Amino acid sequence: MSALREALRDLPDAVFADVLESEDEYLLVLDLPGVTAETIDVTVEGGRLRIDGQRTKDVPGEFTFVREDRSVFLDAELPLPPDTTGQGGEGTVENGVLELRLPKATAAPSTTIPIDGD
């Protein structure tokens, strides 16, 4: 999990993140003001979590930007903790807060492995 914590430090200054852990899952909480479910994509591939998102802004028609300091274009790739694959993960975004729940991989229940021989 230290690789994930380290990667979170490299997020843009406008993005704040928390990682929480229970016995069964991880909860990743990212503050992404202005981001909606329609403007964010989250994928998992090769043990990495990829988050692409952008803030939507409504600019009144009679105005143009003189200066724009509130942009949020997030293109982040984070390592998954070693005990999760992202399989069965769920995400929600509400009021610009993205919550990703990533279940921990569990060992299969006890089983006997048949052995064939001569």
PDB file of N, CA and C in Angstrom:
ATOM      1  N   MET A   1       0.812  -1.183   0.000  1.00  0.00           N
ATOM      2  CA  MET A   1       0.000   0.000   0.000  1.00  0.00           C
ATOM      3  C   MET A   1       0.863   1.257   0.000  1.00  0.00           C
ATOM      4  N   SER A   2       2.129   1.156   0.366  1.00  0.00           N
ATOM      5  CA  SER A   2       2.979   2.334   0.390  1.00  0.00           C
ATOM      6  C   SER A   2       3.149   2.933  -1.002  1.00  0.00           C
ATOM      7  N   ALA A   3       3.126   2.094  -2.042  1.00  0.00           N
ATOM      8  CA  ALA A   3       3.226   2.619  -3.410  1.00  0.00           C
ATOM      9  C   ALA A   3       2.017   3.480  -3.741  1.00  0.00           C
ATOM     10  N   LEU A   4       0.833   3.080  -3.274  1.00  0.00           N
ATOM     11  CA  LEU A   4      -0.371   3.874  -3.497  1.00  0.00           C
ATOM     12  C   LEU A   4      -0.284   5.199  -2.752  1.00  0.00           C
ATOM     13  N   ARG A   5       0.126   5.164  -1.494  1.00  0.00           N
ATOM     14  CA  ARG A   5       0.268   6.414  -0.730  1.00  0.00           C
ATOM     15  C   ARG A   5       1.257   7.352  -1.410  1.00  0.00           C
ATOM     16  N   GLU A   6       2.350   6.791  -1.879  1.00  0.00           N
ATOM     17  CA  GLU A   6       3.367   7.594  -2.568  1.00  0.00           C
ATOM     18  C   GLU A   6       2.795   8.222  -3.840  1.00  0.00           C
ATOM     19  N   ALA A   7       2.039   7.455  -4.602  1.00  0.00           N
ATOM     20  CA  ALA A   7       1.453   7.961  -5.842  1.00  0.00           C
ATOM     21  C   ALA A   7       0.437   9.064  -5.569  1.00  0.00           C
ATOM     22  N   LEU A   8      -0.291   8.970  -4.475  1.00  0.00           N
ATOM     23  CA  LEU A   8      -1.272  10.006  -4.140  1.00  0.00           C
ATOM     24  C   LEU A   8      -0.599  11.349  -3.882  1.00  0.00           C
ATOM     25  N   ARG A   9       0.628  11.322  -3.411  1.00  0.00           N
ATOM     26  CA  ARG A   9       1.371  12.573  -3.182  1.00  0.00           C
ATOM     27  C   ARG A   9       1.669  13.306  -4.487  1.00  0.00           C
ATOM     28  N   ASP A  10       1.662  12.569  -5.594  1.00  0.00           N
ATOM     29  CA  ASP A  10       1.984  13.166  -6.885  1.00  0.00           C
ATOM     30  C   ASP A  10       0.761  13.709  -7.620  1.00  0.00           C
ATOM     31  N   LEU A  11      -0.422  13.611  -7.005  1.00  0.00           N
ATOM     32  CA  LEU A  11      -1.623  14.162  -7.635  1.00  0.00           C
ATOM     33  C   LEU A  11      -1.519  15.679  -7.694  1.00  0.00           C
ATOM     34  N   PRO A  12      -2.238  16.316  -8.609  1.00  0.00           N
ATOM     35  CA  PRO A  12      -2.210  17.783  -8.678  1.00  0.00           C
ATOM     36  C   PRO A  12      -2.631  18.406  -7.355  1.00  0.00           C
ATOM     37  N   ASP A  13      -2.148  19.616  -7.089  1.00  0.00           N
ATOM     38  CA  ASP A  13      -2.452  20.304  -5.837  1.00  0.00           C
ATOM     39  C   ASP A  13      -3.945  20.509  -5.612  1.00  0.00           C
ATOM     40  N   ALA A  14      -4.733  20.575  -6.684  1.00  0.00           N
ATOM     41  CA  ALA A  14      -6.171  20.804  -6.569  1.00  0.00           C
ATOM     42  C   ALA A  14      -6.940  19.548  -6.177  1.00  0.00           C
ATOM     43  N   VAL A  15      -6.253  18.411  -6.090  1.00  0.00           N
ATOM     44  CA  VAL A  15      -6.915  17.143  -5.785  1.00  0.00           C
ATOM     45  C   VAL A  15      -6.459  16.667  -4.408  1.00  0.00           C
ATOM     46  N   PHE A  16      -7.430  16.449  -3.533  1.00  0.00           N
ATOM     47  CA  PHE A  16      -7.143  15.915  -2.212  1.00  0.00           C
ATOM     48  C   PHE A  16      -7.658  14.481  -2.157  1.00  0.00           C
ATOM     49  N   ALA A  17      -6.923  13.597  -1.493  1.00  0.00           N
ATOM     50  CA  ALA A  17      -7.303  12.180  -1.488  1.00  0.00           C
ATOM     51  C   ALA A  17      -7.080  11.559  -0.116  1.00  0.00           C
ATOM     52  N   ASP A  18      -7.953  10.623   0.220  1.00  0.00           N
ATOM     53  CA  ASP A  18      -7.813   9.805   1.422  1.00  0.00           C
ATOM     54  C   ASP A  18      -7.903   8.346   1.014  1.00  0.00           C
ATOM     55  N   VAL A  19      -7.186   7.486   1.722  1.00  0.00           N
ATOM     56  CA  VAL A  19      -7.297   6.043   1.543  1.00  0.00           C
ATOM     57  C   VAL A  19      -7.691   5.467   2.898  1.00  0.00           C
ATOM     58  N   LEU A  20      -8.779   4.704   2.894  1.00  0.00           N
ATOM     59  CA  LEU A  20      -9.240   4.037   4.104  1.00  0.00           C
ATOM     60  C   LEU A  20      -9.232   2.542   3.853  1.00  0.00           C
ATOM     61  N   GLU A  21      -9.111   1.763   4.929  1.00  0.00           N
ATOM     62  CA  GLU A  21      -9.036   0.316   4.783  1.00  0.00           C
ATOM     63  C   GLU A  21      -9.885  -0.348   5.860  1.00  0.00           C
ATOM     64  N   SER A  22     -10.653  -1.353   5.446  1.00  0.00           N
ATOM     65  CA  SER A  22     -11.372  -2.214   6.378  1.00  0.00           C
ATOM     66  C   SER A  22     -10.858  -3.632   6.172  1.00  0.00           C
ATOM     67  N   GLU A  23     -11.457  -4.587   6.867  1.00  0.00           N
ATOM     68  CA  GLU A  23     -11.039  -5.980   6.669  1.00  0.00           C
ATOM     69  C   GLU A  23     -11.308  -6.457   5.257  1.00  0.00           C
ATOM     70  N   ASP A  24     -12.366  -5.917   4.626  1.00  0.00           N
ATOM     71  CA  ASP A  24     -12.832  -6.442   3.349  1.00  0.00           C
ATOM     72  C   ASP A  24     -12.510  -5.596   2.123  1.00  0.00           C
ATOM     73  N   GLU A  25     -12.207  -4.315   2.327  1.00  0.00           N
ATOM     74  CA  GLU A  25     -12.038  -3.460   1.156  1.00  0.00           C
ATOM     75  C   GLU A  25     -11.247  -2.201   1.478  1.00  0.00           C
ATOM     76  N   TYR A  26     -10.853  -1.536   0.391  1.00  0.00           N
ATOM     77  CA  TYR A  26     -10.244  -0.217   0.471  1.00  0.00           C
ATOM     78  C   TYR A  26     -11.270   0.794  -0.006  1.00  0.00           C
ATOM     79  N   LEU A  27     -11.208   1.989   0.551  1.00  0.00           N
ATOM     80  CA  LEU A  27     -12.053   3.092   0.122  1.00  0.00           C
ATOM     81  C   LEU A  27     -11.134   4.244  -0.237  1.00  0.00           C
ATOM     82  N   LEU A  28     -11.161   4.641  -1.484  1.00  0.00           N
ATOM     83  CA  LEU A  28     -10.359   5.750  -1.978  1.00  0.00           C
ATOM     84  C   LEU A  28     -11.314   6.915  -2.204  1.00  0.00           C
ATOM     85  N   VAL A  29     -11.046   8.036  -1.535  1.00  0.00           N
ATOM     86  CA  VAL A  29     -11.904   9.217  -1.613  1.00  0.00           C
ATOM     87  C   VAL A  29     -11.081  10.357  -2.204  1.00  0.00           C
ATOM     88  N   LEU A  30     -11.562  10.899  -3.329  1.00  0.00           N
ATOM     89  CA  LEU A  30     -10.861  12.004  -3.993  1.00  0.00           C
ATOM     90  C   LEU A  30     -11.798  13.198  -4.124  1.00  0.00           C
ATOM     91  N   ASP A  31     -11.334  14.359  -3.724  1.00  0.00           N
ATOM     92  CA  ASP A  31     -12.089  15.594  -3.928  1.00  0.00           C
ATOM     93  C   ASP A  31     -11.775  16.117  -5.323  1.00  0.00           C
ATOM     94  N   LEU A  32     -12.791  16.115  -6.176  1.00  0.00           N
ATOM     95  CA  LEU A  32     -12.637  16.570  -7.558  1.00  0.00           C
ATOM     96  C   LEU A  32     -13.766  17.555  -7.861  1.00  0.00           C
ATOM     97  N   PRO A  33     -13.658  18.794  -7.372  1.00  0.00           N
ATOM     98  CA  PRO A  33     -14.747  19.755  -7.538  1.00  0.00           C
ATOM     99  C   PRO A  33     -15.155  19.911  -8.997  1.00  0.00           C
ATOM    100  N   GLY A  34     -16.462  19.867  -9.231  1.00  0.00           N
ATOM    101  CA  GLY A  34     -16.995  20.070 -10.576  1.00  0.00           C
ATOM    102  C   GLY A  34     -17.027  18.828 -11.439  1.00  0.00           C
ATOM    103  N   VAL A  35     -16.437  17.732 -10.986  1.00  0.00           N
ATOM    104  CA  VAL A  35     -16.429  16.490 -11.762  1.00  0.00           C
ATOM    105  C   VAL A  35     -17.753  15.761 -11.525  1.00  0.00           C
ATOM    106  N   THR A  36     -18.302  15.205 -12.584  1.00  0.00           N
ATOM    107  CA  THR A  36     -19.552  14.457 -12.494  1.00  0.00           C
ATOM    108  C   THR A  36     -19.329  13.042 -13.028  1.00  0.00           C
ATOM    109  N   ALA A  37     -20.331  12.199 -12.870  1.00  0.00           N
ATOM    110  CA  ALA A  37     -20.241  10.830 -13.375  1.00  0.00           C
ATOM    111  C   ALA A  37     -20.031  10.821 -14.891  1.00  0.00           C
ATOM    112  N   GLU A  38     -20.539  11.840 -15.574  1.00  0.00           N
ATOM    113  CA  GLU A  38     -20.399  11.914 -17.032  1.00  0.00           C
ATOM    114  C   GLU A  38     -19.015  12.386 -17.469  1.00  0.00           C
ATOM    115  N   THR A  39     -18.253  13.009 -16.567  1.00  0.00           N
ATOM    116  CA  THR A  39     -16.956  13.564 -16.959  1.00  0.00           C
ATOM    117  C   THR A  39     -15.778  12.841 -16.325  1.00  0.00           C
ATOM    118  N   ILE A  40     -16.025  11.612 -15.834  1.00  0.00           N
ATOM    119  CA  ILE A  40     -14.936  10.844 -15.228  1.00  0.00           C
ATOM    120  C   ILE A  40     -15.001   9.399 -15.710  1.00  0.00           C
ATOM    121  N   ASP A  41     -13.836   8.822 -15.928  1.00  0.00           N
ATOM    122  CA  ASP A  41     -13.701   7.411 -16.285  1.00  0.00           C
ATOM    123  C   ASP A  41     -12.680   6.789 -15.349  1.00  0.00           C
ATOM    124  N   VAL A  42     -13.019   5.624 -14.821  1.00  0.00           N
ATOM    125  CA  VAL A  42     -12.109   4.893 -13.942  1.00  0.00           C
ATOM    126  C   VAL A  42     -11.969   3.477 -14.494  1.00  0.00           C
ATOM    127  N   THR A  43     -10.732   3.053 -14.715  1.00  0.00           N
ATOM    128  CA  THR A  43     -10.471   1.714 -15.230  1.00  0.00           C
ATOM    129  C   THR A  43      -9.331   1.076 -14.435  1.00  0.00           C
ATOM    130  N   VAL A  44      -9.278  -0.244 -14.488  1.00  0.00           N
ATOM    131  CA  VAL A  44      -8.193  -0.994 -13.861  1.00  0.00           C
ATOM    132  C   VAL A  44      -7.580  -1.880 -14.928  1.00  0.00           C
ATOM    133  N   GLU A  45      -6.263  -1.819 -15.020  1.00  0.00           N
ATOM    134  CA  GLU A  45      -5.555  -2.658 -15.985  1.00  0.00           C
ATOM    135  C   GLU A  45      -4.136  -2.878 -15.491  1.00  0.00           C
ATOM    136  N   GLY A  46      -3.725  -4.123 -15.518  1.00  0.00           N
ATOM    137  CA  GLY A  46      -2.348  -4.450 -15.160  1.00  0.00           C
ATOM    138  C   GLY A  46      -1.954  -4.021 -13.757  1.00  0.00           C
ATOM    139  N   GLY A  47      -2.866  -4.151 -12.790  1.00  0.00           N
ATOM    140  CA  GLY A  47      -2.548  -3.790 -11.417  1.00  0.00           C
ATOM    141  C   GLY A  47      -2.496  -2.301 -11.159  1.00  0.00           C
ATOM    142  N   ARG A  48      -3.049  -1.512 -12.086  1.00  0.00           N
ATOM    143  CA  ARG A  48      -3.033  -0.059 -11.935  1.00  0.00           C
ATOM    144  C   ARG A  48      -4.442   0.495 -12.093  1.00  0.00           C
ATOM    145  N   LEU A  49      -4.734   1.508 -11.312  1.00  0.00           N
ATOM    146  CA  LEU A  49      -6.017   2.192 -11.334  1.00  0.00           C
ATOM    147  C   LEU A  49      -5.832   3.481 -12.109  1.00  0.00           C
ATOM    148  N   ARG A  50      -6.620   3.652 -13.163  1.00  0.00           N
ATOM    149  CA  ARG A  50      -6.508   4.853 -14.004  1.00  0.00           C
ATOM    150  C   ARG A  50      -7.758   5.694 -13.825  1.00  0.00           C
ATOM    151  N   ILE A  51      -7.557   6.969 -13.511  1.00  0.00           N
ATOM    152  CA  ILE A  51      -8.658   7.911 -13.303  1.00  0.00           C
ATOM    153  C   ILE A  51      -8.473   9.080 -14.261  1.00  0.00           C
ATOM    154  N   ASP A  52      -9.456   9.262 -15.138  1.00  0.00           N
ATOM    155  CA  ASP A  52      -9.465  10.393 -16.074  1.00  0.00           C
ATOM    156  C   ASP A  52     -10.721  11.201 -15.809  1.00  0.00           C
ATOM    157  N   GLY A  53     -10.559  12.447 -15.442  1.00  0.00           N
ATOM    158  CA  GLY A  53     -11.721  13.275 -15.156  1.00  0.00           C
ATOM    159  C   GLY A  53     -11.457  14.730 -15.469  1.00  0.00           C
ATOM    160  N   GLN A  54     -12.545  15.469 -15.631  1.00  0.00           N
ATOM    161  CA  GLN A  54     -12.407  16.906 -15.840  1.00  0.00           C
ATOM    162  C   GLN A  54     -13.589  17.635 -15.235  1.00  0.00           C
ATOM    163  N   ARG A  55     -13.336  18.839 -14.831  1.00  0.00           N
ATOM    164  CA  ARG A  55     -14.352  19.693 -14.235  1.00  0.00           C
ATOM    165  C   ARG A  55     -15.204  20.293 -15.350  1.00  0.00           C
ATOM    166  N   THR A  56     -16.495  20.385 -15.098  1.00  0.00           N
ATOM    167  CA  THR A  56     -17.369  21.095 -16.015  1.00  0.00           C
ATOM    168  C   THR A  56     -17.628  22.475 -15.432  1.00  0.00           C
ATOM    169  N   LYS A  57     -17.664  23.458 -16.285  1.00  0.00           N
ATOM    170  CA  LYS A  57     -17.884  24.833 -15.840  1.00  0.00           C
ATOM    171  C   LYS A  57     -18.960  25.468 -16.705  1.00  0.00           C
ATOM    172  N   ASP A  58     -19.825  26.214 -16.064  1.00  0.00           N
ATOM    173  CA  ASP A  58     -20.809  27.011 -16.781  1.00  0.00           C
ATOM    174  C   ASP A  58     -20.348  28.461 -16.750  1.00  0.00           C
ATOM    175  N   VAL A  59     -19.999  28.977 -17.909  1.00  0.00           N
ATOM    176  CA  VAL A  59     -19.545  30.362 -18.003  1.00  0.00           C
ATOM    177  C   VAL A  59     -20.669  31.170 -18.642  1.00  0.00           C
ATOM    178  N   PRO A  60     -21.151  32.210 -17.936  1.00  0.00           N
ATOM    179  CA  PRO A  60     -22.194  33.047 -18.535  1.00  0.00           C
ATOM    180  C   PRO A  60     -21.748  33.587 -19.890  1.00  0.00           C
ATOM    181  N   GLY A  61     -22.685  33.615 -20.833  1.00  0.00           N
ATOM    182  CA  GLY A  61     -22.384  33.986 -22.215  1.00  0.00           C
ATOM    183  C   GLY A  61     -21.695  35.315 -22.402  1.00  0.00           C
ATOM    184  N   GLU A  62     -21.953  36.273 -21.519  1.00  0.00           N
ATOM    185  CA  GLU A  62     -21.352  37.606 -21.693  1.00  0.00           C
ATOM    186  C   GLU A  62     -19.939  37.699 -21.120  1.00  0.00           C
ATOM    187  N   PHE A  63     -19.427  36.598 -20.555  1.00  0.00           N
ATOM    188  CA  PHE A  63     -18.105  36.604 -19.961  1.00  0.00           C
ATOM    189  C   PHE A  63     -17.142  35.720 -20.734  1.00  0.00           C
ATOM    190  N   THR A  64     -15.864  36.093 -20.694  1.00  0.00           N
ATOM    191  CA  THR A  64     -14.782  35.244 -21.192  1.00  0.00           C
ATOM    192  C   THR A  64     -13.723  35.176 -20.094  1.00  0.00           C
ATOM    193  N   PHE A  65     -12.909  34.144 -20.133  1.00  0.00           N
ATOM    194  CA  PHE A  65     -11.881  33.994 -19.116  1.00  0.00           C
ATOM    195  C   PHE A  65     -10.777  35.025 -19.317  1.00  0.00           C
ATOM    196  N   VAL A  66     -10.445  35.728 -18.258  1.00  0.00           N
ATOM    197  CA  VAL A  66      -9.262  36.571 -18.215  1.00  0.00           C
ATOM    198  C   VAL A  66      -8.121  35.742 -17.632  1.00  0.00           C
ATOM    199  N   ARG A  67      -8.493  34.949 -16.650  1.00  0.00           N
ATOM    200  CA  ARG A  67      -7.543  34.053 -16.000  1.00  0.00           C
ATOM    201  C   ARG A  67      -8.320  32.822 -15.540  1.00  0.00           C
ATOM    202  N   GLU A  68      -7.738  31.655 -15.730  1.00  0.00           N
ATOM    203  CA  GLU A  68      -8.406  30.408 -15.338  1.00  0.00           C
ATOM    204  C   GLU A  68      -7.460  29.593 -14.465  1.00  0.00           C
ATOM    205  N   ASP A  69      -7.728  29.611 -13.161  1.00  0.00           N
ATOM    206  CA  ASP A  69      -6.897  28.869 -12.217  1.00  0.00           C
ATOM    207  C   ASP A  69      -7.623  27.674 -11.625  1.00  0.00           C
ATOM    208  N   ARG A  70      -8.869  27.467 -11.977  1.00  0.00           N
ATOM    209  CA  ARG A  70      -9.657  26.417 -11.350  1.00  0.00           C
ATOM    210  C   ARG A  70      -9.829  25.197 -12.244  1.00  0.00           C
ATOM    211  N   SER A  71      -8.944  24.988 -13.142  1.00  0.00           N
ATOM    212  CA  SER A  71      -9.125  23.834 -14.018  1.00  0.00           C
ATOM    213  C   SER A  71      -8.789  22.551 -13.272  1.00  0.00           C
ATOM    214  N   VAL A  72      -9.556  21.521 -13.527  1.00  0.00           N
ATOM    215  CA  VAL A  72      -9.250  20.195 -13.012  1.00  0.00           C
ATOM    216  C   VAL A  72      -9.334  19.240 -14.189  1.00  0.00           C
ATOM    217  N   PHE A  73      -8.188  18.856 -14.662  1.00  0.00           N
ATOM    218  CA  PHE A  73      -8.080  17.799 -15.647  1.00  0.00           C
ATOM    219  C   PHE A  73      -7.212  16.748 -14.979  1.00  0.00           C
ATOM    220  N   LEU A  74      -7.830  15.694 -14.527  1.00  0.00           N
ATOM    221  CA  LEU A  74      -7.090  14.674 -13.817  1.00  0.00           C
ATOM    222  C   LEU A  74      -6.836  13.503 -14.746  1.00  0.00           C
ATOM    223  N   ASP A  75      -5.587  13.169 -14.885  1.00  0.00           N
ATOM    224  CA  ASP A  75      -5.159  11.999 -15.657  1.00  0.00           C
ATOM    225  C   ASP A  75      -4.151  11.285 -14.769  1.00  0.00           C
ATOM    226  N   ALA A  76      -4.676  10.423 -13.880  1.00  0.00           N
ATOM    227  CA  ALA A  76      -3.816   9.794 -12.881  1.00  0.00           C
ATOM    228  C   ALA A  76      -3.806   8.287 -13.049  1.00  0.00           C
ATOM    229  N   GLU A  77      -2.660   7.712 -12.786  1.00  0.00           N
ATOM    230  CA  GLU A  77      -2.514   6.261 -12.791  1.00  0.00           C
ATOM    231  C   GLU A  77      -1.882   5.876 -11.461  1.00  0.00           C
ATOM    232  N   LEU A  78      -2.617   5.057 -10.682  1.00  0.00           N
ATOM    233  CA  LEU A  78      -2.185   4.713  -9.340  1.00  0.00           C
ATOM    234  C   LEU A  78      -2.015   3.196  -9.224  1.00  0.00           C
ATOM    235  N   PRO A  79      -1.011   2.743  -8.481  1.00  0.00           N
ATOM    236  CA  PRO A  79      -0.858   1.303  -8.276  1.00  0.00           C
ATOM    237  C   PRO A  79      -1.923   0.804  -7.305  1.00  0.00           C
ATOM    238  N   LEU A  80      -2.492  -0.357  -7.597  1.00  0.00           N
ATOM    239  CA  LEU A  80      -3.433  -0.974  -6.673  1.00  0.00           C
ATOM    240  C   LEU A  80      -2.668  -1.615  -5.523  1.00  0.00           C
ATOM    241  N   PRO A  81      -3.253  -1.636  -4.328  1.00  0.00           N
ATOM    242  CA  PRO A  81      -2.622  -2.402  -3.252  1.00  0.00           C
ATOM    243  C   PRO A  81      -2.505  -3.865  -3.695  1.00  0.00           C
ATOM    244  N   PRO A  82      -1.498  -4.587  -3.215  1.00  0.00           N
ATOM    245  CA  PRO A  82      -1.256  -5.945  -3.703  1.00  0.00           C
ATOM    246  C   PRO A  82      -2.383  -6.931  -3.433  1.00  0.00           C
ATOM    247  N   ASP A  83      -3.265  -6.634  -2.481  1.00  0.00           N
ATOM    248  CA  ASP A  83      -4.327  -7.593  -2.165  1.00  0.00           C
ATOM    249  C   ASP A  83      -5.678  -7.228  -2.783  1.00  0.00           C
ATOM    250  N   THR A  84      -5.657  -6.426  -3.839  1.00  0.00           N
ATOM    251  CA  THR A  84      -6.886  -6.145  -4.575  1.00  0.00           C
ATOM    252  C   THR A  84      -6.601  -6.134  -6.069  1.00  0.00           C
ATOM    253  N   THR A  85      -7.608  -6.525  -6.841  1.00  0.00           N
ATOM    254  CA  THR A  85      -7.465  -6.536  -8.296  1.00  0.00           C
ATOM    255  C   THR A  85      -8.370  -5.498  -8.950  1.00  0.00           C
ATOM    256  N   GLY A  86      -9.235  -4.883  -8.154  1.00  0.00           N
ATOM    257  CA  GLY A  86     -10.230  -3.980  -8.722  1.00  0.00           C
ATOM    258  C   GLY A  86     -11.499  -4.708  -9.106  1.00  0.00           C
ATOM    259  N   GLN A  87     -11.437  -6.047  -9.165  1.00  0.00           N
ATOM    260  CA  GLN A  87     -12.599  -6.864  -9.504  1.00  0.00           C
ATOM    261  C   GLN A  87     -13.706  -6.608  -8.485  1.00  0.00           C
ATOM    262  N   GLY A  88     -14.909  -6.289  -8.972  1.00  0.00           N
ATOM    263  CA  GLY A  88     -16.035  -6.031  -8.088  1.00  0.00           C
ATOM    264  C   GLY A  88     -16.029  -4.638  -7.486  1.00  0.00           C
ATOM    265  N   GLY A  89     -15.128  -3.784  -7.968  1.00  0.00           N
ATOM    266  CA  GLY A  89     -15.053  -2.422  -7.452  1.00  0.00           C
ATOM    267  C   GLY A  89     -16.282  -1.615  -7.816  1.00  0.00           C
ATOM    268  N   GLU A  90     -16.585  -0.625  -6.986  1.00  0.00           N
ATOM    269  CA  GLU A  90     -17.726   0.259  -7.209  1.00  0.00           C
ATOM    270  C   GLU A  90     -17.287   1.694  -6.987  1.00  0.00           C
ATOM    271  N   GLY A  91     -17.927   2.598  -7.716  1.00  0.00           N
ATOM    272  CA  GLY A  91     -17.607   4.005  -7.556  1.00  0.00           C
ATOM    273  C   GLY A  91     -18.837   4.878  -7.598  1.00  0.00           C
ATOM    274  N   THR A  92     -18.774   5.980  -6.865  1.00  0.00           N
ATOM    275  CA  THR A  92     -19.825   6.984  -6.904  1.00  0.00           C
ATOM    276  C   THR A  92     -19.158   8.353  -6.911  1.00  0.00           C
ATOM    277  N   VAL A  93     -19.853   9.319  -7.476  1.00  0.00           N
ATOM    278  CA  VAL A  93     -19.393  10.702  -7.386  1.00  0.00           C
ATOM    279  C   VAL A  93     -20.612  11.542  -7.025  1.00  0.00           C
ATOM    280  N   GLU A  94     -20.441  12.337  -5.976  1.00  0.00           N
ATOM    281  CA  GLU A  94     -21.522  13.194  -5.502  1.00  0.00           C
ATOM    282  C   GLU A  94     -20.913  14.483  -4.981  1.00  0.00           C
ATOM    283  N   ASN A  95     -21.418  15.598  -5.484  1.00  0.00           N
ATOM    284  CA  ASN A  95     -20.911  16.911  -5.086  1.00  0.00           C
ATOM    285  C   ASN A  95     -19.393  17.022  -5.258  1.00  0.00           C
ATOM    286  N   GLY A  96     -18.880  16.429  -6.325  1.00  0.00           N
ATOM    287  CA  GLY A  96     -17.455  16.532  -6.623  1.00  0.00           C
ATOM    288  C   GLY A  96     -16.559  15.644  -5.779  1.00  0.00           C
ATOM    289  N   VAL A  97     -17.142  14.688  -5.059  1.00  0.00           N
ATOM    290  CA  VAL A  97     -16.348  13.756  -4.258  1.00  0.00           C
ATOM    291  C   VAL A  97     -16.494  12.361  -4.867  1.00  0.00           C
ATOM    292  N   LEU A  98     -15.385  11.815  -5.337  1.00  0.00           N
ATOM    293  CA  LEU A  98     -15.353  10.474  -5.916  1.00  0.00           C
ATOM    294  C   LEU A  98     -14.992   9.477  -4.828  1.00  0.00           C
ATOM    295  N   GLU A  99     -15.823   8.444  -4.676  1.00  0.00           N
ATOM    296  CA  GLU A  99     -15.534   7.362  -3.740  1.00  0.00           C
ATOM    297  C   GLU A  99     -15.417   6.065  -4.522  1.00  0.00           C
ATOM    298  N   LEU A 100     -14.277   5.414  -4.387  1.00  0.00           N
ATOM    299  CA  LEU A 100     -14.037   4.128  -5.033  1.00  0.00           C
ATOM    300  C   LEU A 100     -13.868   3.065  -3.958  1.00  0.00           C
ATOM    301  N   ARG A 101     -14.695   2.030  -4.035  1.00  0.00           N
ATOM    302  CA  ARG A 101     -14.600   0.901  -3.120  1.00  0.00           C
ATOM    303  C   ARG A 101     -13.966  -0.259  -3.875  1.00  0.00           C
ATOM    304  N   LEU A 102     -12.839  -0.728  -3.360  1.00  0.00           N
ATOM    305  CA  LEU A 102     -12.081  -1.792  -4.005  1.00  0.00           C
ATOM    306  C   LEU A 102     -11.990  -2.983  -3.058  1.00  0.00           C
ATOM    307  N   PRO A 103     -12.758  -4.056  -3.330  1.00  0.00           N
ATOM    308  CA  PRO A 103     -12.732  -5.224  -2.454  1.00  0.00           C
ATOM    309  C   PRO A 103     -11.349  -5.877  -2.432  1.00  0.00           C
ATOM    310  N   LYS A 104     -11.018  -6.388  -1.261  1.00  0.00           N
ATOM    311  CA  LYS A 104      -9.772  -7.153  -1.141  1.00  0.00           C
ATOM    312  C   LYS A 104     -10.001  -8.541  -1.707  1.00  0.00           C
ATOM    313  N   ALA A 105      -8.974  -9.071  -2.328  1.00  0.00           N
ATOM    314  CA  ALA A 105      -9.043 -10.443  -2.836  1.00  0.00           C
ATOM    315  C   ALA A 105      -8.976 -11.385  -1.639  1.00  0.00           C
ATOM    316  N   THR A 106      -9.806 -12.391  -1.658  1.00  0.00           N
ATOM    317  CA  THR A 106      -9.807 -13.342  -0.553  1.00  0.00           C
ATOM    318  C   THR A 106      -9.375 -14.704  -1.064  1.00  0.00           C
ATOM    319  N   ALA A 107      -8.780 -15.449  -0.183  1.00  0.00           N
ATOM    320  CA  ALA A 107      -8.364 -16.808  -0.555  1.00  0.00           C
ATOM    321  C   ALA A 107      -9.605 -17.664  -0.728  1.00  0.00           C
ATOM    322  N   ALA A 108      -9.517 -18.605  -1.605  1.00  0.00           N
ATOM    323  CA  ALA A 108     -10.634 -19.527  -1.825  1.00  0.00           C
ATOM    324  C   ALA A 108     -10.865 -20.334  -0.560  1.00  0.00           C
ATOM    325  N   PRO A 109     -12.109 -20.761  -0.326  1.00  0.00           N
ATOM    326  CA  PRO A 109     -12.353 -21.611   0.845  1.00  0.00           C
ATOM    327  C   PRO A 109     -11.555 -22.899   0.729  1.00  0.00           C
ATOM    328  N   SER A 110     -11.409 -23.550   1.830  1.00  0.00           N
ATOM    329  CA  SER A 110     -10.632 -24.790   1.878  1.00  0.00           C
ATOM    330  C   SER A 110     -11.143 -25.806   0.853  1.00  0.00           C
ATOM    331  N   THR A 111     -10.234 -26.411   0.174  1.00  0.00           N
ATOM    332  CA  THR A 111     -10.611 -27.406  -0.827  1.00  0.00           C
ATOM    333  C   THR A 111      -9.523 -28.476  -0.913  1.00  0.00           C
ATOM    334  N   THR A 112      -9.879 -29.635  -1.382  1.00  0.00           N
ATOM    335  CA  THR A 112      -8.918 -30.698  -1.603  1.00  0.00           C
ATOM    336  C   THR A 112      -8.558 -30.727  -3.081  1.00  0.00           C
ATOM    337  N   ILE A 113      -7.289 -30.859  -3.347  1.00  0.00           N
ATOM    338  CA  ILE A 113      -6.826 -30.915  -4.740  1.00  0.00           C
ATOM    339  C   ILE A 113      -6.551 -32.365  -5.073  1.00  0.00           C
ATOM    340  N   PRO A 114      -7.302 -32.919  -6.032  1.00  0.00           N
ATOM    341  CA  PRO A 114      -7.071 -34.316  -6.385  1.00  0.00           C
ATOM    342  C   PRO A 114      -5.725 -34.502  -7.069  1.00  0.00           C
ATOM    343  N   ILE A 115      -5.082 -35.612  -6.740  1.00  0.00           N
ATOM    344  CA  ILE A 115      -3.776 -35.927  -7.310  1.00  0.00           C
ATOM    345  C   ILE A 115      -3.918 -37.241  -8.087  1.00  0.00           C
ATOM    346  N   ASP A 116      -3.620 -37.176  -9.357  1.00  0.00           N
ATOM    347  CA  ASP A 116      -3.655 -38.383 -10.181  1.00  0.00           C
ATOM    348  C   ASP A 116      -2.271 -39.032 -10.168  1.00  0.00           C
ATOM    349  N   GLY A 117      -2.243 -40.341 -10.244  1.00  0.00           N
ATOM    350  CA  GLY A 117      -0.966 -41.041 -10.263  1.00  0.00           C
ATOM    351  C   GLY A 117      -1.054 -42.300 -11.096  1.00  0.00           C
ATOM    352  N   ASP A 118      -0.053 -43.144 -10.964  1.00  0.00           N
ATOM    353  CA  ASP A 118       0.026 -44.390 -11.737  1.00  0.00           C
ATOM    354  C   ASP A 118      -1.162 -45.255 -11.535  1.00  0.00           C
TER     355      ASP A 118
END
